[in-house]
Amino acid sequence: MKYRMLGRTGLKISEVGFGCGNNAVLMVRAAYAEQLQAVRRALELGINYFDTAFAYGLGKSEENLGKILNELDASAVVSTKIRLEPSAVADLKAATIQAAEAGLKRLKRKSVNLIQLHNRVTVERSPGKRFSLTPADVLGHRGVLEGFKVMRDKGKVGYFGFSGLGDPKALHELIDSGEFHSVQAYYNLLNPSAGQTIPNGFSALDYGRLIDRAAGKGMGVAVIRVLAAGALTSDPTAGGGSSPEPMSPGSDYALDLERAEQVKFLIGSDIKSLTHAAIRFGLMKPEVSTVLVGFSNTAHIDEAVACSGAGGLSQEAQARLRRLWDTDFGQLSF
C-alpha cells in the first residue's frame, strides 16, 4: 500500500480508502462477522483510512465501524460526516455540534481525525429530502464552520471538510475561503470534470477542476464514486447505482452504463478489469489524497488494493479517453 498526505493536515493516509457507505452495503447490512473480517483484511493490506457517516444506515455504519475498530484495537484515521435537517437553520452552529457529538457517541470514540459536512452546498438552499446549505450557512456567523471549530477546540475533531456535491460555484466558494482541510470530489472515467477539462455542453455536471482548486489551497482530496455506483465494475448490478436520483446531475445510472461500454478498451494485459482501470485513473492525479472504494467482500478489497502502486493508464489510453471526453462520449458534434 502506498500512502499520501491529506493536504496540509500532516495525516498520512492509504491511497485506497475504505468507504463505509450504503452502496456496497457491507458496513450497513452485512452480518457482523463479515464486517469484522473485511475490516481486519483491509488493515492487514495497509488500508488505514475509513470514511463513514450518519447517513449510511442512519448511524449503523458508524456504530459497526466503531465497534470493530475497538475490538481490533486498530490504529486508523477515521472520518465521519454530519447531515443537517431543515430545522437546523434556526442555529446551525449548535446543530453542527450536536450532530458531531452524536457521531462520536455512535463510533464510541473520544475524537475523530476528520469531520465533514455531508449536505450538498448550493447557491440557494434546497428544501426537501436533499436539504442543501449555502456558503453563507457554512461560513457565516453561527454557521457550520463555527460548530466545527468548537469541536476542534474541545479536542474532539482534528480537521474538517465537506462533500463536494451541489453547485460548483458554491463549492468553489467554500474552497476559496481557505477554512477547510479536505473535500470529497466526484471524479471518475465517465465524469472527470473535477480534475480534467471538459467541453462546453458536456452532459454531466462540470465541477470546474475542483480538485486542482482545492489542492491549490492546500486541501486534501478524497475521490468518491470512482466506480460510478457500480457502472465501472464487472458486475454493475451489484453497485446499487440504479437509484431514482443520481448523486451528481447528468450521471444517471443508465447513461453511465452506456458510457462505461465505451471505456472498456482500457481492459488489457496490464489492466484486468474496469474496476482496476477506474481506480488507477483516480490515483493518477497527484492532487488526490485517497480514492474511496466501497467493498462488499474481502475479494473486492484485494482487487482495489492491487491498484496501489500499479501505475496509471498508458499515454495511448489517455489520448483515447480525451477524445471521448471532448465529444461527450459521441454526444457532441462539431
C-alpha atoms as a PDB file:
ATOM      1  CA  MET A   1       0.000   0.000   0.000  1.00  0.00           C
ATOM      2  CA  LYS A   2       1.200   3.465  -0.890  1.00  0.00           C
ATOM      3  CA  TYR A   3       0.385   6.469   1.292  1.00  0.00           C
ATOM      4  CA  ARG A   4      -0.247  10.128   0.587  1.00  0.00           C
ATOM      5  CA  MET A   5      -0.608  13.245   2.688  1.00  0.00           C
ATOM      6  CA  LEU A   6      -4.102  14.579   3.342  1.00  0.00           C
ATOM      7  CA  GLY A   7      -3.399  18.125   2.229  1.00  0.00           C
ATOM      8  CA  ARG A   8      -1.786  20.273   4.913  1.00  0.00           C
ATOM      9  CA  THR A   9      -3.097  18.197   7.843  1.00  0.00           C
ATOM     10  CA  GLY A  10       0.038  16.122   8.319  1.00  0.00           C
ATOM     11  CA  LEU A  11      -2.072  12.950   8.187  1.00  0.00           C
ATOM     12  CA  LYS A  12      -0.587  10.185   6.043  1.00  0.00           C
ATOM     13  CA  ILE A  13      -3.402   8.049   4.655  1.00  0.00           C
ATOM     14  CA  SER A  14      -3.655   4.998   2.417  1.00  0.00           C
ATOM     15  CA  GLU A  15      -4.222   5.958  -1.196  1.00  0.00           C
ATOM     16  CA  VAL A  16      -7.055   3.424  -1.268  1.00  0.00           C
ATOM     17  CA  GLY A  17      -9.577   4.243   1.445  1.00  0.00           C
ATOM     18  CA  PHE A  18     -12.355   2.134   2.948  1.00  0.00           C
ATOM     19  CA  GLY A  19     -15.725   3.672   2.086  1.00  0.00           C
ATOM     20  CA  CYS A  20     -18.348   2.576   4.609  1.00  0.00           C
ATOM     21  CA  GLY A  21     -21.362   3.798   2.649  1.00  0.00           C
ATOM     22  CA  ASN A  22     -24.716   2.424   1.604  1.00  0.00           C
ATOM     23  CA  ASN A  23     -23.847   1.351  -1.927  1.00  0.00           C
ATOM     24  CA  ALA A  24     -21.640  -1.593  -1.058  1.00  0.00           C
ATOM     25  CA  VAL A  25     -23.969  -2.490   1.874  1.00  0.00           C
ATOM     26  CA  LEU A  26     -21.198  -4.277   3.791  1.00  0.00           C
ATOM     27  CA  MET A  27     -20.901  -1.902   6.771  1.00  0.00           C
ATOM     28  CA  VAL A  28     -24.635  -1.248   6.908  1.00  0.00           C
ATOM     29  CA  ARG A  29     -26.442  -4.541   6.365  1.00  0.00           C
ATOM     30  CA  ALA A  30     -23.957  -7.423   6.343  1.00  0.00           C
ATOM     31  CA  ALA A  31     -23.506  -9.795   9.263  1.00  0.00           C
ATOM     32  CA  TYR A  32     -21.120  -8.553  11.928  1.00  0.00           C
ATOM     33  CA  ALA A  33     -18.708 -11.439  11.299  1.00  0.00           C
ATOM     34  CA  GLU A  34     -18.411 -10.400   7.635  1.00  0.00           C
ATOM     35  CA  GLN A  35     -17.828  -6.780   8.608  1.00  0.00           C
ATOM     36  CA  LEU A  36     -15.147  -7.772  11.088  1.00  0.00           C
ATOM     37  CA  GLN A  37     -13.422  -9.970   8.533  1.00  0.00           C
ATOM     38  CA  ALA A  38     -13.429  -7.196   5.939  1.00  0.00           C
ATOM     39  CA  VAL A  39     -12.033  -4.503   8.222  1.00  0.00           C
ATOM     40  CA  ARG A  40      -9.368  -6.885   9.504  1.00  0.00           C
ATOM     41  CA  ARG A  41      -8.384  -7.750   5.920  1.00  0.00           C
ATOM     42  CA  ALA A  42      -8.244  -4.069   4.937  1.00  0.00           C
ATOM     43  CA  LEU A  43      -5.973  -3.279   7.870  1.00  0.00           C
ATOM     44  CA  GLU A  44      -3.724  -6.238   7.036  1.00  0.00           C
ATOM     45  CA  LEU A  45      -3.329  -4.899   3.490  1.00  0.00           C
ATOM     46  CA  GLY A  46      -2.409  -1.431   4.711  1.00  0.00           C
ATOM     47  CA  ILE A  47      -5.674   0.489   4.467  1.00  0.00           C
ATOM     48  CA  ASN A  48      -5.685   2.982   7.323  1.00  0.00           C
ATOM     49  CA  TYR A  49      -8.348   5.478   6.194  1.00  0.00           C
ATOM     50  CA  PHE A  50     -12.000   4.768   6.955  1.00  0.00           C
ATOM     51  CA  ASP A  51     -14.826   7.064   5.866  1.00  0.00           C
ATOM     52  CA  THR A  52     -18.293   6.761   7.377  1.00  0.00           C
ATOM     53  CA  ALA A  53     -21.346   8.970   8.015  1.00  0.00           C
ATOM     54  CA  PHE A  54     -24.611   9.127   9.914  1.00  0.00           C
ATOM     55  CA  ALA A  55     -26.470   8.909   6.602  1.00  0.00           C
ATOM     56  CA  TYR A  56     -25.070   5.433   5.994  1.00  0.00           C
ATOM     57  CA  GLY A  57     -27.783   3.310   7.514  1.00  0.00           C
ATOM     58  CA  LEU A  58     -28.900   6.134   9.819  1.00  0.00           C
ATOM     59  CA  GLY A  59     -25.906   5.601  12.054  1.00  0.00           C
ATOM     60  CA  LYS A  60     -25.470   1.837  11.561  1.00  0.00           C
ATOM     61  CA  SER A  61     -22.234   2.257   9.635  1.00  0.00           C
ATOM     62  CA  GLU A  62     -20.739   4.434  12.369  1.00  0.00           C
ATOM     63  CA  GLU A  63     -21.810   2.010  15.081  1.00  0.00           C
ATOM     64  CA  ASN A  64     -20.434  -1.026  13.253  1.00  0.00           C
ATOM     65  CA  LEU A  65     -17.152   0.601  12.295  1.00  0.00           C
ATOM     66  CA  GLY A  66     -16.553   1.935  15.791  1.00  0.00           C
ATOM     67  CA  LYS A  67     -17.269  -1.417  17.418  1.00  0.00           C
ATOM     68  CA  ILE A  68     -14.939  -3.263  15.040  1.00  0.00           C
ATOM     69  CA  LEU A  69     -12.045  -0.805  15.335  1.00  0.00           C
ATOM     70  CA  ASN A  70     -12.313  -1.036  19.112  1.00  0.00           C
ATOM     71  CA  GLU A  71     -12.457  -4.831  19.045  1.00  0.00           C
ATOM     72  CA  LEU A  72      -9.381  -4.976  16.825  1.00  0.00           C
ATOM     73  CA  ASP A  73      -7.657  -2.232  18.838  1.00  0.00           C
ATOM     74  CA  ALA A  74      -6.802  -0.739  15.456  1.00  0.00           C
ATOM     75  CA  SER A  75      -4.913   2.468  14.837  1.00  0.00           C
ATOM     76  CA  ALA A  76      -6.801   4.126  11.980  1.00  0.00           C
ATOM     77  CA  VAL A  77      -7.551   7.522  10.501  1.00  0.00           C
ATOM     78  CA  VAL A  78     -11.308   7.922  10.875  1.00  0.00           C
ATOM     79  CA  SER A  79     -13.572  10.400   9.110  1.00  0.00           C
ATOM     80  CA  THR A  80     -17.275  10.800   9.653  1.00  0.00           C
ATOM     81  CA  LYS A  81     -19.843  13.162   8.188  1.00  0.00           C
ATOM     82  CA  ILE A  82     -22.858  15.021   9.534  1.00  0.00           C
ATOM     83  CA  ARG A  83     -26.046  15.762   7.639  1.00  0.00           C
ATOM     84  CA  LEU A  84     -28.208  18.591   8.968  1.00  0.00           C
ATOM     85  CA  GLU A  85     -32.001  18.727   8.684  1.00  0.00           C
ATOM     86  CA  PRO A  86     -34.024  21.834   7.678  1.00  0.00           C
ATOM     87  CA  SER A  87     -34.790  22.535  11.341  1.00  0.00           C
ATOM     88  CA  ALA A  88     -31.085  23.169  11.903  1.00  0.00           C
ATOM     89  CA  VAL A  89     -31.227  26.583  10.226  1.00  0.00           C
ATOM     90  CA  ALA A  90     -32.502  28.081  13.487  1.00  0.00           C
ATOM     91  CA  ASP A  91     -28.990  27.587  14.892  1.00  0.00           C
ATOM     92  CA  LEU A  92     -26.603  25.850  12.508  1.00  0.00           C
ATOM     93  CA  LYS A  93     -23.666  26.108  14.881  1.00  0.00           C
ATOM     94  CA  ALA A  94     -25.499  24.352  17.709  1.00  0.00           C
ATOM     95  CA  ALA A  95     -26.941  21.732  15.330  1.00  0.00           C
ATOM     96  CA  THR A  96     -23.458  21.028  13.968  1.00  0.00           C
ATOM     97  CA  ILE A  97     -22.030  20.474  17.441  1.00  0.00           C
ATOM     98  CA  GLN A  98     -24.942  18.226  18.395  1.00  0.00           C
ATOM     99  CA  ALA A  99     -24.625  16.144  15.235  1.00  0.00           C
ATOM    100  CA  ALA A 100     -20.861  15.767  15.623  1.00  0.00           C
ATOM    101  CA  GLU A 101     -21.213  14.728  19.277  1.00  0.00           C
ATOM    102  CA  ALA A 102     -23.825  12.135  18.292  1.00  0.00           C
ATOM    103  CA  GLY A 103     -21.472  10.710  15.666  1.00  0.00           C
ATOM    104  CA  LEU A 104     -18.702  10.300  18.240  1.00  0.00           C
ATOM    105  CA  LYS A 105     -21.112   8.533  20.555  1.00  0.00           C
ATOM    106  CA  ARG A 106     -22.123   6.061  17.834  1.00  0.00           C
ATOM    107  CA  LEU A 107     -18.471   5.470  16.952  1.00  0.00           C
ATOM    108  CA  LYS A 108     -17.596   5.126  20.655  1.00  0.00           C
ATOM    109  CA  ARG A 109     -14.620   7.409  20.139  1.00  0.00           C
ATOM    110  CA  LYS A 110     -13.431  10.436  22.056  1.00  0.00           C
ATOM    111  CA  SER A 111     -12.400  12.084  18.802  1.00  0.00           C
ATOM    112  CA  VAL A 112     -12.160  11.631  15.032  1.00  0.00           C
ATOM    113  CA  ASN A 113      -9.420  12.792  12.729  1.00  0.00           C
ATOM    114  CA  LEU A 114     -11.810  14.431  10.282  1.00  0.00           C
ATOM    115  CA  ILE A 115     -15.380  15.723  10.457  1.00  0.00           C
ATOM    116  CA  GLN A 116     -17.160  16.626   7.228  1.00  0.00           C
ATOM    117  CA  LEU A 117     -20.378  18.300   6.160  1.00  0.00           C
ATOM    118  CA  HIS A 118     -22.455  15.813   4.179  1.00  0.00           C
ATOM    119  CA  ASN A 119     -25.174  18.194   2.932  1.00  0.00           C
ATOM    120  CA  ARG A 120     -24.914  19.483  -0.590  1.00  0.00           C
ATOM    121  CA  VAL A 121     -23.794  23.095  -0.883  1.00  0.00           C
ATOM    122  CA  THR A 122     -25.778  25.226  -3.323  1.00  0.00           C
ATOM    123  CA  VAL A 123     -26.167  28.873  -4.252  1.00  0.00           C
ATOM    124  CA  GLU A 124     -29.622  28.842  -2.644  1.00  0.00           C
ATOM    125  CA  ARG A 125     -30.975  26.481  -0.004  1.00  0.00           C
ATOM    126  CA  SER A 126     -32.827  23.493  -1.369  1.00  0.00           C
ATOM    127  CA  PRO A 127     -35.570  22.115   0.896  1.00  0.00           C
ATOM    128  CA  GLY A 128     -36.903  18.580   0.989  1.00  0.00           C
ATOM    129  CA  LYS A 129     -35.175  15.220   1.014  1.00  0.00           C
ATOM    130  CA  ARG A 130     -31.852  16.587  -0.194  1.00  0.00           C
ATOM    131  CA  PHE A 131     -31.740  19.643   2.025  1.00  0.00           C
ATOM    132  CA  SER A 132     -28.801  21.797   0.983  1.00  0.00           C
ATOM    133  CA  LEU A 133     -26.958  24.670   2.598  1.00  0.00           C
ATOM    134  CA  THR A 134     -25.491  27.833   1.110  1.00  0.00           C
ATOM    135  CA  PRO A 135     -21.896  29.012   1.513  1.00  0.00           C
ATOM    136  CA  ALA A 136     -23.207  31.651   3.937  1.00  0.00           C
ATOM    137  CA  ASP A 137     -24.827  28.912   6.034  1.00  0.00           C
ATOM    138  CA  VAL A 138     -21.491  27.168   6.249  1.00  0.00           C
ATOM    139  CA  LEU A 139     -19.105  30.091   6.631  1.00  0.00           C
ATOM    140  CA  GLY A 140     -21.264  32.713   8.344  1.00  0.00           C
ATOM    141  CA  HIS A 141     -21.966  33.676  11.945  1.00  0.00           C
ATOM    142  CA  ARG A 142     -23.253  30.693  13.940  1.00  0.00           C
ATOM    143  CA  GLY A 143     -22.762  28.559  10.872  1.00  0.00           C
ATOM    144  CA  VAL A 144     -21.420  25.050  10.341  1.00  0.00           C
ATOM    145  CA  LEU A 145     -17.785  26.142  10.336  1.00  0.00           C
ATOM    146  CA  GLU A 146     -18.110  27.726  13.776  1.00  0.00           C
ATOM    147  CA  GLY A 147     -19.541  24.460  15.092  1.00  0.00           C
ATOM    148  CA  PHE A 148     -16.631  22.504  13.643  1.00  0.00           C
ATOM    149  CA  LYS A 149     -14.178  24.892  15.277  1.00  0.00           C
ATOM    150  CA  VAL A 150     -15.817  24.416  18.659  1.00  0.00           C
ATOM    151  CA  MET A 151     -15.407  20.659  18.292  1.00  0.00           C
ATOM    152  CA  ARG A 152     -11.773  21.125  17.293  1.00  0.00           C
ATOM    153  CA  ASP A 153     -11.103  23.386  20.285  1.00  0.00           C
ATOM    154  CA  LYS A 154     -12.570  20.692  22.550  1.00  0.00           C
ATOM    155  CA  GLY A 155     -10.123  18.180  21.057  1.00  0.00           C
ATOM    156  CA  LYS A 156     -12.953  16.107  19.587  1.00  0.00           C
ATOM    157  CA  VAL A 157     -12.111  16.576  15.887  1.00  0.00           C
ATOM    158  CA  GLY A 158      -8.796  17.173  14.225  1.00  0.00           C
ATOM    159  CA  TYR A 159      -9.706  18.709  10.889  1.00  0.00           C
ATOM    160  CA  PHE A 160     -12.781  19.459   8.829  1.00  0.00           C
ATOM    161  CA  GLY A 161     -14.007  19.145   5.293  1.00  0.00           C
ATOM    162  CA  PHE A 162     -17.108  18.795   3.141  1.00  0.00           C
ATOM    163  CA  SER A 163     -18.643  16.660   0.421  1.00  0.00           C
ATOM    164  CA  GLY A 164     -18.073  18.317  -2.935  1.00  0.00           C
ATOM    165  CA  LEU A 165     -21.626  17.900  -4.204  1.00  0.00           C
ATOM    166  CA  GLY A 166     -24.076  20.638  -5.151  1.00  0.00           C
ATOM    167  CA  ASP A 167     -23.464  23.759  -7.222  1.00  0.00           C
ATOM    168  CA  PRO A 168     -19.854  24.028  -8.416  1.00  0.00           C
ATOM    169  CA  LYS A 169     -19.904  27.792  -7.878  1.00  0.00           C
ATOM    170  CA  ALA A 170     -20.914  27.330  -4.243  1.00  0.00           C
ATOM    171  CA  LEU A 171     -18.387  24.519  -3.728  1.00  0.00           C
ATOM    172  CA  HIS A 172     -15.600  26.680  -5.121  1.00  0.00           C
ATOM    173  CA  GLU A 173     -16.580  29.437  -2.696  1.00  0.00           C
ATOM    174  CA  LEU A 174     -16.027  27.088   0.244  1.00  0.00           C
ATOM    175  CA  ILE A 175     -12.667  26.048  -1.177  1.00  0.00           C
ATOM    176  CA  ASP A 176     -11.601  29.634  -1.743  1.00  0.00           C
ATOM    177  CA  SER A 177     -12.369  30.502   1.887  1.00  0.00           C
ATOM    178  CA  GLY A 178      -9.250  28.596   2.919  1.00  0.00           C
ATOM    179  CA  GLU A 179     -11.080  27.334   6.008  1.00  0.00           C
ATOM    180  CA  PHE A 180     -11.322  23.653   5.116  1.00  0.00           C
ATOM    181  CA  HIS A 181      -8.758  20.893   5.146  1.00  0.00           C
ATOM    182  CA  SER A 182     -10.382  18.409   2.789  1.00  0.00           C
ATOM    183  CA  VAL A 183     -13.058  17.893   0.176  1.00  0.00           C
ATOM    184  CA  GLN A 184     -14.663  14.816  -1.313  1.00  0.00           C
ATOM    185  CA  ALA A 185     -14.617  15.080  -5.111  1.00  0.00           C
ATOM    186  CA  TYR A 186     -16.919  13.286  -7.560  1.00  0.00           C
ATOM    187  CA  TYR A 187     -14.361  12.073 -10.107  1.00  0.00           C
ATOM    188  CA  ASN A 188     -14.313   9.101 -12.442  1.00  0.00           C
ATOM    189  CA  LEU A 189     -13.701   7.975 -16.011  1.00  0.00           C
ATOM    190  CA  LEU A 190     -17.243   8.947 -17.012  1.00  0.00           C
ATOM    191  CA  ASN A 191     -17.265  12.440 -15.487  1.00  0.00           C
ATOM    192  CA  PRO A 192     -13.689  13.621 -14.998  1.00  0.00           C
ATOM    193  CA  SER A 193     -14.561  17.335 -14.751  1.00  0.00           C
ATOM    194  CA  ALA A 194     -13.342  17.702 -11.156  1.00  0.00           C
ATOM    195  CA  GLY A 195      -9.832  17.051 -12.386  1.00  0.00           C
ATOM    196  CA  GLN A 196      -9.866  17.386 -16.195  1.00  0.00           C
ATOM    197  CA  THR A 197     -11.071  19.980 -18.679  1.00  0.00           C
ATOM    198  CA  ILE A 198     -14.272  19.007 -20.461  1.00  0.00           C
ATOM    199  CA  PRO A 199     -16.023  20.779 -23.351  1.00  0.00           C
ATOM    200  CA  ASN A 200     -18.934  23.152 -23.044  1.00  0.00           C
ATOM    201  CA  GLY A 201     -22.165  21.213 -23.347  1.00  0.00           C
ATOM    202  CA  PHE A 202     -20.847  18.083 -21.641  1.00  0.00           C
ATOM    203  CA  SER A 203     -23.901  16.170 -20.468  1.00  0.00           C
ATOM    204  CA  ALA A 204     -22.623  15.538 -16.928  1.00  0.00           C
ATOM    205  CA  LEU A 205     -22.179  18.298 -14.354  1.00  0.00           C
ATOM    206  CA  ASP A 206     -18.982  20.311 -14.805  1.00  0.00           C
ATOM    207  CA  TYR A 207     -17.204  20.610 -11.438  1.00  0.00           C
ATOM    208  CA  GLY A 208     -14.693  23.039 -12.914  1.00  0.00           C
ATOM    209  CA  ARG A 209     -11.498  21.210 -11.897  1.00  0.00           C
ATOM    210  CA  LEU A 210     -12.488  21.331  -8.260  1.00  0.00           C
ATOM    211  CA  ILE A 211      -9.615  19.001  -7.318  1.00  0.00           C
ATOM    212  CA  ASP A 212      -6.970  21.367  -8.646  1.00  0.00           C
ATOM    213  CA  ARG A 213      -8.627  24.334  -6.953  1.00  0.00           C
ATOM    214  CA  ALA A 214      -8.693  22.509  -3.613  1.00  0.00           C
ATOM    215  CA  ALA A 215      -5.082  21.382  -3.909  1.00  0.00           C
ATOM    216  CA  GLY A 216      -4.122  24.986  -4.606  1.00  0.00           C
ATOM    217  CA  LYS A 217      -5.495  25.823  -1.153  1.00  0.00           C
ATOM    218  CA  GLY A 218      -3.556  23.007   0.477  1.00  0.00           C
ATOM    219  CA  MET A 219      -6.618  20.809   0.882  1.00  0.00           C
ATOM    220  CA  GLY A 220      -6.648  17.040   0.799  1.00  0.00           C
ATOM    221  CA  VAL A 221      -8.915  15.377  -1.755  1.00  0.00           C
ATOM    222  CA  ALA A 222     -10.800  12.116  -1.373  1.00  0.00           C
ATOM    223  CA  VAL A 223     -12.264  10.803  -4.616  1.00  0.00           C
ATOM    224  CA  ILE A 224     -15.822   9.498  -4.340  1.00  0.00           C
ATOM    225  CA  ARG A 225     -17.834   7.433  -6.830  1.00  0.00           C
ATOM    226  CA  VAL A 226     -14.692   6.350  -8.643  1.00  0.00           C
ATOM    227  CA  LEU A 227     -16.650   3.250  -9.778  1.00  0.00           C
ATOM    228  CA  ALA A 228     -19.693   5.317 -10.806  1.00  0.00           C
ATOM    229  CA  ALA A 229     -22.009   3.465  -8.400  1.00  0.00           C
ATOM    230  CA  GLY A 230     -21.029   0.148  -9.952  1.00  0.00           C
ATOM    231  CA  ALA A 231     -21.159   1.095 -13.646  1.00  0.00           C
ATOM    232  CA  LEU A 232     -17.375   0.678 -13.789  1.00  0.00           C
ATOM    233  CA  THR A 233     -17.276  -2.853 -12.398  1.00  0.00           C
ATOM    234  CA  SER A 234     -17.536  -6.331 -13.848  1.00  0.00           C
ATOM    235  CA  ASP A 235     -20.975  -6.691 -12.248  1.00  0.00           C
ATOM    236  CA  PRO A 236     -22.775  -3.313 -12.459  1.00  0.00           C
ATOM    237  CA  THR A 237     -25.907  -4.745 -10.867  1.00  0.00           C
ATOM    238  CA  ALA A 238     -24.029  -5.185  -7.579  1.00  0.00           C
ATOM    239  CA  GLY A 239     -23.257  -1.496  -7.164  1.00  0.00           C
ATOM    240  CA  GLY A 240     -26.628  -0.215  -6.109  1.00  0.00           C
ATOM    241  CA  GLY A 241     -26.355   2.575  -8.619  1.00  0.00           C
ATOM    242  CA  SER A 242     -29.816   2.471 -10.095  1.00  0.00           C
ATOM    243  CA  SER A 243     -31.308   4.924  -7.592  1.00  0.00           C
ATOM    244  CA  PRO A 244     -34.077   7.213  -8.886  1.00  0.00           C
ATOM    245  CA  GLU A 245     -31.957  10.338  -8.425  1.00  0.00           C
ATOM    246  CA  PRO A 246     -28.243  10.329  -9.313  1.00  0.00           C
ATOM    247  CA  MET A 247     -25.698  11.628  -6.845  1.00  0.00           C
ATOM    248  CA  SER A 248     -24.423  14.021  -9.496  1.00  0.00           C
ATOM    249  CA  PRO A 249     -26.643  15.628 -12.182  1.00  0.00           C
ATOM    250  CA  GLY A 250     -26.138  14.171 -15.636  1.00  0.00           C
ATOM    251  CA  SER A 251     -24.659  10.963 -14.246  1.00  0.00           C
ATOM    252  CA  ASP A 252     -27.820   8.890 -14.381  1.00  0.00           C
ATOM    253  CA  TYR A 253     -27.002   5.231 -13.901  1.00  0.00           C
ATOM    254  CA  ALA A 254     -28.440   4.063 -17.224  1.00  0.00           C
ATOM    255  CA  LEU A 255     -26.417   6.707 -19.064  1.00  0.00           C
ATOM    256  CA  ASP A 256     -23.270   5.820 -17.131  1.00  0.00           C
ATOM    257  CA  LEU A 257     -23.693   2.189 -18.154  1.00  0.00           C
ATOM    258  CA  GLU A 258     -23.678   3.322 -21.791  1.00  0.00           C
ATOM    259  CA  ARG A 259     -20.597   5.467 -21.206  1.00  0.00           C
ATOM    260  CA  ALA A 260     -18.880   2.578 -19.443  1.00  0.00           C
ATOM    261  CA  GLU A 261     -19.230   0.425 -22.564  1.00  0.00           C
ATOM    262  CA  GLN A 262     -17.085   2.970 -24.399  1.00  0.00           C
ATOM    263  CA  VAL A 263     -14.194   2.785 -21.939  1.00  0.00           C
ATOM    264  CA  LYS A 264     -13.887  -0.999 -21.951  1.00  0.00           C
ATOM    265  CA  PHE A 265     -10.967  -0.620 -24.349  1.00  0.00           C
ATOM    266  CA  LEU A 266      -8.930   0.105 -21.194  1.00  0.00           C
ATOM    267  CA  ILE A 267      -9.045  -3.576 -20.224  1.00  0.00           C
ATOM    268  CA  GLY A 268      -5.911  -5.338 -21.420  1.00  0.00           C
ATOM    269  CA  SER A 269      -2.836  -7.264 -20.356  1.00  0.00           C
ATOM    270  CA  ASP A 270      -1.864  -4.730 -17.702  1.00  0.00           C
ATOM    271  CA  ILE A 271      -5.379  -3.789 -16.584  1.00  0.00           C
ATOM    272  CA  LYS A 272      -7.536  -6.753 -15.685  1.00  0.00           C
ATOM    273  CA  SER A 273     -10.913  -5.063 -15.249  1.00  0.00           C
ATOM    274  CA  LEU A 274     -12.857  -1.826 -15.436  1.00  0.00           C
ATOM    275  CA  THR A 275     -12.523  -1.620 -11.667  1.00  0.00           C
ATOM    276  CA  HIS A 276      -8.736  -1.603 -11.973  1.00  0.00           C
ATOM    277  CA  ALA A 277      -8.873   0.990 -14.742  1.00  0.00           C
ATOM    278  CA  ALA A 278     -11.189   3.237 -12.730  1.00  0.00           C
ATOM    279  CA  ILE A 279      -9.181   3.151  -9.506  1.00  0.00           C
ATOM    280  CA  ARG A 280      -5.848   3.571 -11.259  1.00  0.00           C
ATOM    281  CA  PHE A 281      -7.292   6.515 -13.166  1.00  0.00           C
ATOM    282  CA  GLY A 282      -8.280   8.168  -9.890  1.00  0.00           C
ATOM    283  CA  LEU A 283      -4.846   7.572  -8.412  1.00  0.00           C
ATOM    284  CA  MET A 284      -3.072   9.034 -11.440  1.00  0.00           C
ATOM    285  CA  LYS A 285      -3.870  12.560 -10.300  1.00  0.00           C
ATOM    286  CA  PRO A 286      -1.189  13.610  -7.799  1.00  0.00           C
ATOM    287  CA  GLU A 287      -3.520  16.108  -6.138  1.00  0.00           C
ATOM    288  CA  VAL A 288      -5.703  13.202  -4.977  1.00  0.00           C
ATOM    289  CA  SER A 289      -5.001  12.032  -1.417  1.00  0.00           C
ATOM    290  CA  THR A 290      -7.097   8.867  -1.470  1.00  0.00           C
ATOM    291  CA  VAL A 291      -9.634   7.046  -3.610  1.00  0.00           C
ATOM    292  CA  LEU A 292     -12.564   5.829  -1.542  1.00  0.00           C
ATOM    293  CA  VAL A 293     -13.921   2.432  -2.544  1.00  0.00           C
ATOM    294  CA  GLY A 294     -16.983   0.701  -1.143  1.00  0.00           C
ATOM    295  CA  PHE A 295     -16.462  -3.003  -0.544  1.00  0.00           C
ATOM    296  CA  SER A 296     -18.981  -5.831  -0.449  1.00  0.00           C
ATOM    297  CA  ASN A 297     -16.496  -8.565   0.458  1.00  0.00           C
ATOM    298  CA  THR A 298     -12.800  -9.225   1.031  1.00  0.00           C
ATOM    299  CA  ALA A 299     -12.215 -10.072  -2.645  1.00  0.00           C
ATOM    300  CA  HIS A 300     -13.196  -6.503  -3.520  1.00  0.00           C
ATOM    301  CA  ILE A 301     -10.642  -5.246  -1.000  1.00  0.00           C
ATOM    302  CA  ASP A 302      -7.882  -7.331  -2.566  1.00  0.00           C
ATOM    303  CA  GLU A 303      -8.828  -6.078  -6.037  1.00  0.00           C
ATOM    304  CA  ALA A 304      -8.760  -2.430  -5.019  1.00  0.00           C
ATOM    305  CA  VAL A 305      -5.537  -2.640  -3.025  1.00  0.00           C
ATOM    306  CA  ALA A 306      -3.791  -4.229  -6.015  1.00  0.00           C
ATOM    307  CA  CYS A 307      -4.199  -0.867  -7.783  1.00  0.00           C
ATOM    308  CA  SER A 308      -1.975   0.936  -5.288  1.00  0.00           C
ATOM    309  CA  GLY A 309       1.430   1.458  -6.865  1.00  0.00           C
ATOM    310  CA  ALA A 310       0.360  -0.255 -10.080  1.00  0.00           C
ATOM    311  CA  GLY A 311       0.838   2.869 -12.189  1.00  0.00           C
ATOM    312  CA  GLY A 312      -1.521   4.904 -14.314  1.00  0.00           C
ATOM    313  CA  LEU A 313      -3.056   4.497 -17.730  1.00  0.00           C
ATOM    314  CA  SER A 314      -0.888   4.484 -20.835  1.00  0.00           C
ATOM    315  CA  GLN A 315      -0.467   7.602 -22.944  1.00  0.00           C
ATOM    316  CA  GLU A 316      -2.392   5.919 -25.739  1.00  0.00           C
ATOM    317  CA  ALA A 317      -5.261   5.112 -23.381  1.00  0.00           C
ATOM    318  CA  GLN A 318      -5.277   8.667 -22.059  1.00  0.00           C
ATOM    319  CA  ALA A 319      -5.420  10.018 -25.594  1.00  0.00           C
ATOM    320  CA  ARG A 320      -8.425   7.812 -26.413  1.00  0.00           C
ATOM    321  CA  LEU A 321     -10.138   8.936 -23.228  1.00  0.00           C
ATOM    322  CA  ARG A 322      -9.514  12.559 -24.121  1.00  0.00           C
ATOM    323  CA  ARG A 323     -11.199  12.034 -27.494  1.00  0.00           C
ATOM    324  CA  LEU A 324     -14.219  10.516 -25.728  1.00  0.00           C
ATOM    325  CA  TRP A 325     -14.452  13.409 -23.270  1.00  0.00           C
ATOM    326  CA  ASP A 326     -14.004  16.013 -25.986  1.00  0.00           C
ATOM    327  CA  THR A 327     -17.027  14.641 -27.824  1.00  0.00           C
ATOM    328  CA  ASP A 328     -19.024  13.841 -24.655  1.00  0.00           C
ATOM    329  CA  PHE A 329     -18.856  10.130 -25.499  1.00  0.00           C
ATOM    330  CA  GLY A 330     -20.093  10.870 -29.018  1.00  0.00           C
ATOM    331  CA  GLN A 331     -22.936  13.195 -27.954  1.00  0.00           C
ATOM    332  CA  LEU A 332     -21.326  16.417 -29.168  1.00  0.00           C
ATOM    333  CA  SER A 333     -20.928  17.215 -32.840  1.00  0.00           C
ATOM    334  CA  PHE A 334     -18.711  19.907 -34.301  1.00  0.00           C
END
